[in-house]
Each structure stands twice: as C-alpha cells, then as structure tokens.
Amino acid sequence: MGQKAHKMILDALNALTSENEQAALRVIAADDEVDYDFNAIKHTLAQEIAADPGKVDAALDLLMVIKYLERIGDHAVNLAEWVEFVRSGRYHNENMF
C-alpha cells in the first residue's frame, strides 16, 4: 500500500509538471486500489482486535499508518484532478472547489 501511494505521488507530480492529462487520469484510477487496500487491511485489523483485544494498541497504530497512506493517495488524486482541469476545463470531481 505504501509503494502504491508513493507511486501515485510521483506519477501525480510528473503529470503536473508535464501537464499530461492521460497520466493524471491513471493516477485518479489508481486511487481505487489504495482505497481497496485500506478497507481490506482495516477489516483485517478489526478481526485481529476482536480475536485478541491485547492487540488493540498495535492495531490502532497500524490503522493510523494506513489511513495516512490512503490520504497520501487522495492528495495525489487532488493534484491529478488539477491537471485534468487545466488541460481540459473539466472537473473530475464536482467537490473539487
């Protein structure tokens, strides 16, 4: 998940500096994978806590880490949406502003 979020940021910055709309659209699409990973790991952590409440502190720490990684992906999408807007005049996300 961390590698995916890292790649999204690098790709978003590349799309931004080159004003490459197709690269920006790939970043936007990649966010679904990071979101899926976040939800899958969150579900696994909930199961671990239910099975062994002694793991709650470690699980919550890990939950914070994966949430921050998910947010990094969201920030990459924000950059990509700006590229899409600059190049096409279209808003990918109506909540952009």
Protein backbone atom coordinates (compact mmCIF):
# COMPACT_ATOMS: atom_id res chain seq x y z
CA MET A 1 0.00 0.00 0.00
CA GLY A 2 2.85 2.36 0.81
CA GLN A 3 4.53 1.65 -2.50
CA LYS A 4 1.26 2.31 -4.35
CA ALA A 5 0.74 5.64 -2.56
CA HIS A 6 4.35 6.62 -3.21
CA LYS A 7 3.99 5.80 -6.92
CA MET A 8 0.76 7.80 -7.07
CA ILE A 9 2.50 10.89 -5.68
CA LEU A 10 5.43 10.54 -8.08
CA ASP A 11 3.08 10.00 -11.02
CA ALA A 12 0.88 12.93 -9.99
CA LEU A 13 3.89 15.24 -9.73
CA ASN A 14 5.08 14.04 -13.13
CA ALA A 15 1.61 14.64 -14.61
CA LEU A 16 1.55 18.10 -13.02
CA THR A 17 4.97 19.18 -14.27
CA SER A 18 4.37 17.82 -17.77
CA GLU A 19 0.66 18.75 -17.87
CA ASN A 20 -0.05 15.19 -19.03
CA GLU A 21 -3.78 14.59 -18.74
CA GLN A 22 -3.56 10.87 -19.53
CA ALA A 23 -1.03 10.36 -16.74
CA ALA A 24 -3.32 12.31 -14.42
CA LEU A 25 -6.24 10.06 -15.29
CA ARG A 26 -4.12 6.99 -14.47
CA VAL A 27 -3.38 8.46 -11.02
CA ILE A 28 -7.09 9.00 -10.43
CA ALA A 29 -7.83 5.41 -11.42
CA ALA A 30 -5.04 4.06 -9.18
CA ASP A 31 -6.76 5.53 -6.13
CA ASP A 32 -9.31 2.72 -6.22
CA GLU A 33 -6.53 0.21 -5.49
CA VAL A 34 -5.25 2.17 -2.50
CA ASP A 35 -8.80 2.59 -1.18
CA TYR A 36 -9.40 -1.15 -1.60
CA ASP A 37 -6.18 -1.97 0.26
CA PHE A 38 -7.14 0.41 3.07
CA ASN A 39 -10.54 -1.19 3.53
CA ALA A 40 -9.14 -4.73 3.37
CA ILE A 41 -6.43 -4.01 5.94
CA LYS A 42 -8.89 -2.14 8.17
CA HIS A 43 -11.20 -5.16 8.10
CA THR A 44 -8.31 -7.49 8.97
CA LEU A 45 -7.30 -5.26 11.87
CA ALA A 46 -10.86 -5.28 13.21
CA GLN A 47 -10.83 -9.08 13.10
CA GLU A 48 -7.48 -9.18 14.92
CA ILE A 49 -8.78 -6.89 17.67
CA ALA A 50 -11.92 -8.99 18.06
CA ALA A 51 -9.85 -12.17 18.32
CA ASP A 52 -7.27 -10.72 20.71
CA PRO A 53 -8.11 -7.44 22.49
CA GLY A 54 -4.49 -7.27 23.65
CA LYS A 55 -3.55 -6.27 20.10
CA VAL A 56 -5.68 -3.14 20.15
CA ASP A 57 -2.83 -0.64 20.65
CA ALA A 58 -0.69 -2.07 17.85
CA ALA A 59 -3.72 -2.39 15.58
CA LEU A 60 -4.73 1.23 16.16
CA ASP A 61 -1.18 2.39 15.41
CA LEU A 62 -1.24 0.44 12.16
CA LEU A 63 -4.69 1.80 11.35
CA MET A 64 -3.32 5.34 11.64
CA VAL A 65 -0.44 4.48 9.30
CA ILE A 66 -2.70 3.01 6.63
CA LYS A 67 -5.11 5.95 6.95
CA TYR A 68 -2.25 8.37 6.30
CA LEU A 69 -1.17 6.30 3.28
CA GLU A 70 -4.74 6.39 1.99
CA ARG A 71 -4.78 10.19 2.43
CA ILE A 72 -1.50 10.46 0.51
CA GLY A 73 -3.29 8.73 -2.36
CA ASP A 74 -6.14 11.21 -2.04
CA HIS A 75 -3.69 14.12 -2.24
CA ALA A 76 -2.17 12.60 -5.38
CA VAL A 77 -5.68 12.47 -6.86
CA ASN A 78 -6.18 16.15 -6.00
CA LEU A 79 -3.04 17.03 -7.96
CA ALA A 80 -4.17 14.86 -10.86
CA GLU A 81 -7.61 16.48 -10.88
CA TRP A 82 -5.95 19.89 -11.19
CA VAL A 83 -4.01 18.65 -14.21
CA GLU A 84 -7.21 17.35 -15.77
CA PHE A 85 -8.91 20.71 -15.17
CA VAL A 86 -6.01 22.75 -16.58
CA ARG A 87 -5.79 20.59 -19.70
CA SER A 88 -9.49 20.03 -20.42
CA GLY A 89 -11.51 22.50 -18.39
CA ARG A 90 -13.45 19.56 -16.90
CA TYR A 91 -13.86 18.85 -13.23
CA HIS A 92 -13.36 15.17 -12.47
CA ASN A 93 -14.82 15.71 -9.01
CA GLU A 94 -17.69 18.13 -8.51
CA ASN A 95 -16.50 18.71 -4.92
CA MET A 96 -13.14 19.97 -6.17
CA PHE A 97 -13.82 23.53 -5.07
